[in-house]
C-alpha atoms as a PDB file:
ATOM      1  CA  MET A   1      13.821 -56.358 -80.093  1.00  0.00           C
ATOM      2  CA  THR A   2      11.517 -58.375 -77.854  1.00  0.00           C
ATOM      3  CA  TRP A   3       7.812 -57.946 -78.618  1.00  0.00           C
ATOM      4  CA  ILE A   4       5.486 -57.782 -75.666  1.00  0.00           C
ATOM      5  CA  ARG A   5       1.825 -58.912 -75.742  1.00  0.00           C
ATOM      6  CA  THR A   6       0.588 -56.510 -73.010  1.00  0.00           C
ATOM      7  CA  VAL A   7       2.241 -53.252 -72.018  1.00  0.00           C
ATOM      8  CA  ILE A   8       1.061 -51.362 -68.940  1.00  0.00           C
ATOM      9  CA  GLU A   9       2.098 -47.720 -68.674  1.00  0.00           C
ATOM     10  CA  CYS A  10       1.636 -46.167 -65.239  1.00  0.00           C
ATOM     11  CA  ALA A  11       4.060 -43.230 -65.197  1.00  0.00           C
ATOM     12  CA  GLY A  12       1.781 -40.858 -67.063  1.00  0.00           C
ATOM     13  CA  LEU A  13       4.593 -39.434 -69.171  1.00  0.00           C
ATOM     14  CA  ALA A  14       4.324 -38.824 -72.905  1.00  0.00           C
ATOM     15  CA  SER A  15       7.697 -40.526 -73.419  1.00  0.00           C
ATOM     16  CA  THR A  16       6.644 -43.720 -71.623  1.00  0.00           C
ATOM     17  CA  MET A  17       3.325 -43.820 -73.508  1.00  0.00           C
ATOM     18  CA  GLU A  18       5.196 -43.573 -76.813  1.00  0.00           C
ATOM     19  CA  GLN A  19       7.587 -46.278 -75.620  1.00  0.00           C
ATOM     20  CA  ALA A  20       4.659 -48.538 -74.689  1.00  0.00           C
ATOM     21  CA  VAL A  21       3.272 -48.322 -78.243  1.00  0.00           C
ATOM     22  CA  ARG A  22       6.732 -48.855 -79.705  1.00  0.00           C
ATOM     23  CA  ILE A  23       7.495 -52.068 -77.762  1.00  0.00           C
ATOM     24  CA  ALA A  24       4.040 -53.623 -77.949  1.00  0.00           C
ATOM     25  CA  GLY A  25       3.926 -56.674 -80.166  1.00  0.00           C
ATOM     26  CA  LYS A  26       1.531 -57.469 -82.988  1.00  0.00           C
ATOM     27  CA  LYS A  27      -2.069 -57.671 -81.728  1.00  0.00           C
ATOM     28  CA  GLY A  28      -0.822 -56.462 -78.350  1.00  0.00           C
ATOM     29  CA  THR A  29      -2.672 -54.360 -75.805  1.00  0.00           C
ATOM     30  CA  VAL A  30      -1.343 -51.078 -74.476  1.00  0.00           C
ATOM     31  CA  MET A  31      -2.958 -50.076 -71.181  1.00  0.00           C
ATOM     32  CA  LEU A  32      -2.454 -46.429 -70.239  1.00  0.00           C
ATOM     33  CA  PHE A  33      -3.062 -45.973 -66.528  1.00  0.00           C
ATOM     34  CA  GLY A  34      -0.729 -43.045 -65.913  1.00  0.00           C
ATOM     35  CA  LEU A  35      -2.319 -39.649 -65.473  1.00  0.00           C
ATOM     36  CA  THR A  36      -0.851 -37.081 -67.862  1.00  0.00           C
ATOM     37  CA  LYS A  37      -1.218 -33.332 -67.726  1.00  0.00           C
ATOM     38  CA  PRO A  38      -4.327 -32.175 -69.633  1.00  0.00           C
ATOM     39  CA  ASP A  39      -2.255 -30.497 -72.362  1.00  0.00           C
ATOM     40  CA  ALA A  40       0.161 -33.415 -72.855  1.00  0.00           C
ATOM     41  CA  ALA A  41       0.484 -34.880 -76.340  1.00  0.00           C
ATOM     42  CA  ILE A  42       2.217 -37.927 -77.749  1.00  0.00           C
ATOM     43  CA  SER A  43       3.554 -38.407 -81.255  1.00  0.00           C
ATOM     44  CA  VAL A  44       2.384 -41.835 -82.317  1.00  0.00           C
ATOM     45  CA  LYS A  45       1.626 -42.417 -85.955  1.00  0.00           C
ATOM     46  CA  PRO A  46      -1.846 -43.941 -86.417  1.00  0.00           C
ATOM     47  CA  PHE A  47      -0.374 -46.268 -89.059  1.00  0.00           C
ATOM     48  CA  GLU A  48       1.870 -47.824 -86.388  1.00  0.00           C
ATOM     49  CA  ILE A  49      -1.201 -48.723 -84.313  1.00  0.00           C
ATOM     50  CA  PHE A  50      -2.965 -50.056 -87.417  1.00  0.00           C
ATOM     51  CA  ARG A  51       0.088 -52.019 -88.648  1.00  0.00           C
ATOM     52  CA  LYS A  52       0.526 -53.788 -85.319  1.00  0.00           C
ATOM     53  CA  GLU A  53      -3.246 -54.214 -84.801  1.00  0.00           C
ATOM     54  CA  LEU A  54      -2.879 -52.763 -81.301  1.00  0.00           C
ATOM     55  CA  THR A  55      -5.629 -52.334 -78.773  1.00  0.00           C
ATOM     56  CA  LEU A  56      -5.266 -49.150 -76.743  1.00  0.00           C
ATOM     57  CA  LYS A  57      -7.018 -48.933 -73.397  1.00  0.00           C
ATOM     58  CA  ALA A  58      -7.097 -46.130 -70.884  1.00  0.00           C
ATOM     59  CA  SER A  59      -8.146 -46.185 -67.261  1.00  0.00           C
ATOM     60  CA  TYR A  60     -11.155 -44.134 -66.296  1.00  0.00           C
ATOM     61  CA  ILE A  61     -11.211 -45.634 -62.810  1.00  0.00           C
ATOM     62  CA  ASN A  62      -9.597 -42.804 -60.949  1.00  0.00           C
ATOM     63  CA  PRO A  63     -11.789 -39.737 -60.361  1.00  0.00           C
ATOM     64  CA  CYS A  64      -9.427 -37.381 -62.216  1.00  0.00           C
ATOM     65  CA  THR A  65      -9.572 -39.366 -65.443  1.00  0.00           C
ATOM     66  CA  GLN A  66     -13.316 -39.929 -65.068  1.00  0.00           C
ATOM     67  CA  GLN A  67     -13.787 -36.179 -64.883  1.00  0.00           C
ATOM     68  CA  ARG A  68     -11.567 -35.679 -67.959  1.00  0.00           C
ATOM     69  CA  ALA A  69     -13.581 -38.264 -69.908  1.00  0.00           C
ATOM     70  CA  LEU A  70     -16.858 -36.561 -69.001  1.00  0.00           C
ATOM     71  CA  GLN A  71     -15.439 -33.164 -69.971  1.00  0.00           C
ATOM     72  CA  LEU A  72     -14.372 -34.531 -73.367  1.00  0.00           C
ATOM     73  CA  ILE A  73     -17.835 -35.965 -73.962  1.00  0.00           C
ATOM     74  CA  ASP A  74     -19.649 -32.838 -72.721  1.00  0.00           C
ATOM     75  CA  SER A  75     -17.454 -30.531 -74.822  1.00  0.00           C
ATOM     76  CA  GLY A  76     -18.217 -32.506 -77.978  1.00  0.00           C
ATOM     77  CA  ARG A  77     -14.515 -33.241 -78.557  1.00  0.00           C
ATOM     78  CA  LEU A  78     -15.256 -36.930 -78.055  1.00  0.00           C
ATOM     79  CA  ASP A  79     -18.189 -37.982 -80.202  1.00  0.00           C
ATOM     80  CA  VAL A  80     -19.690 -40.908 -78.328  1.00  0.00           C
ATOM     81  CA  GLU A  81     -22.774 -41.069 -80.562  1.00  0.00           C
ATOM     82  CA  SER A  82     -20.674 -42.087 -83.562  1.00  0.00           C
ATOM     83  CA  MET A  83     -19.510 -45.122 -81.577  1.00  0.00           C
ATOM     84  CA  VAL A  84     -23.042 -46.316 -80.775  1.00  0.00           C
ATOM     85  CA  CYS A  85     -24.715 -48.780 -83.128  1.00  0.00           C
ATOM     86  CA  GLY A  86     -27.909 -49.139 -81.136  1.00  0.00           C
ATOM     87  CA  ARG A  87     -29.875 -48.713 -77.933  1.00  0.00           C
ATOM     88  CA  ILE A  88     -31.389 -51.715 -76.201  1.00  0.00           C
ATOM     89  CA  PRO A  89     -33.505 -52.320 -73.098  1.00  0.00           C
ATOM     90  CA  PRO A  90     -31.902 -54.312 -70.247  1.00  0.00           C
ATOM     91  CA  GLU A  91     -33.726 -57.470 -71.297  1.00  0.00           C
ATOM     92  CA  GLY A  92     -32.060 -57.262 -74.745  1.00  0.00           C
ATOM     93  CA  LEU A  93     -28.563 -57.310 -73.272  1.00  0.00           C
ATOM     94  CA  TRP A  94     -28.255 -61.108 -73.138  1.00  0.00           C
ATOM     95  CA  GLU A  95     -29.226 -61.386 -76.807  1.00  0.00           C
ATOM     96  CA  VAL A  96     -26.455 -58.968 -77.823  1.00  0.00           C
ATOM     97  CA  LEU A  97     -23.874 -60.578 -75.526  1.00  0.00           C
ATOM     98  CA  GLY A  98     -24.745 -64.038 -76.803  1.00  0.00           C
ATOM     99  CA  ASP A  99     -24.627 -63.205 -80.511  1.00  0.00           C
ATOM    100  CA  PRO A 100     -21.147 -62.554 -81.975  1.00  0.00           C
ATOM    101  CA  LYS A 101     -22.677 -60.874 -85.055  1.00  0.00           C
ATOM    102  CA  LEU A 102     -24.550 -58.352 -82.909  1.00  0.00           C
ATOM    103  CA  ARG A 103     -21.494 -57.722 -80.724  1.00  0.00           C
ATOM    104  CA  ALA A 104     -19.360 -57.122 -83.808  1.00  0.00           C
ATOM    105  CA  ARG A 105     -21.620 -54.248 -84.891  1.00  0.00           C
ATOM    106  CA  GLY A 106     -20.195 -51.994 -82.176  1.00  0.00           C
ATOM    107  CA  LYS A 107     -21.228 -50.350 -78.937  1.00  0.00           C
ATOM    108  CA  TYR A 108     -24.721 -50.561 -77.505  1.00  0.00           C
ATOM    109  CA  ILE A 109     -26.296 -48.307 -74.908  1.00  0.00           C
ATOM    110  CA  VAL A 110     -28.564 -50.027 -72.413  1.00  0.00           C
ATOM    111  CA  THR A 111     -31.567 -47.763 -71.806  1.00  0.00           C
ATOM    112  CA  PHE A 112     -33.713 -47.922 -68.725  1.00  0.00           C
END
């Protein structure tokens, strides 16, 4: 089997999303741009993602997926607060971006 560094899935089908994870190589990136139905599910074992050290990315560019992301956050099904390690003012952004140790801590929210 040929391992692929970056896999882009645009069909929005559960089967092609599962295939993308399956063919992605070690430390690969799987980009999910396809728009699935809201009740769609895929059967990917978390250990497979961990074993390959995959990065999964989804597109929230299109208005439909943006709305879905906001609904997940608003419903509490996606706990954004647990991802945040700190809040910083805009002038603190360059310090965080310039310091690998600070960046490694996690996500920051820039407050205005």
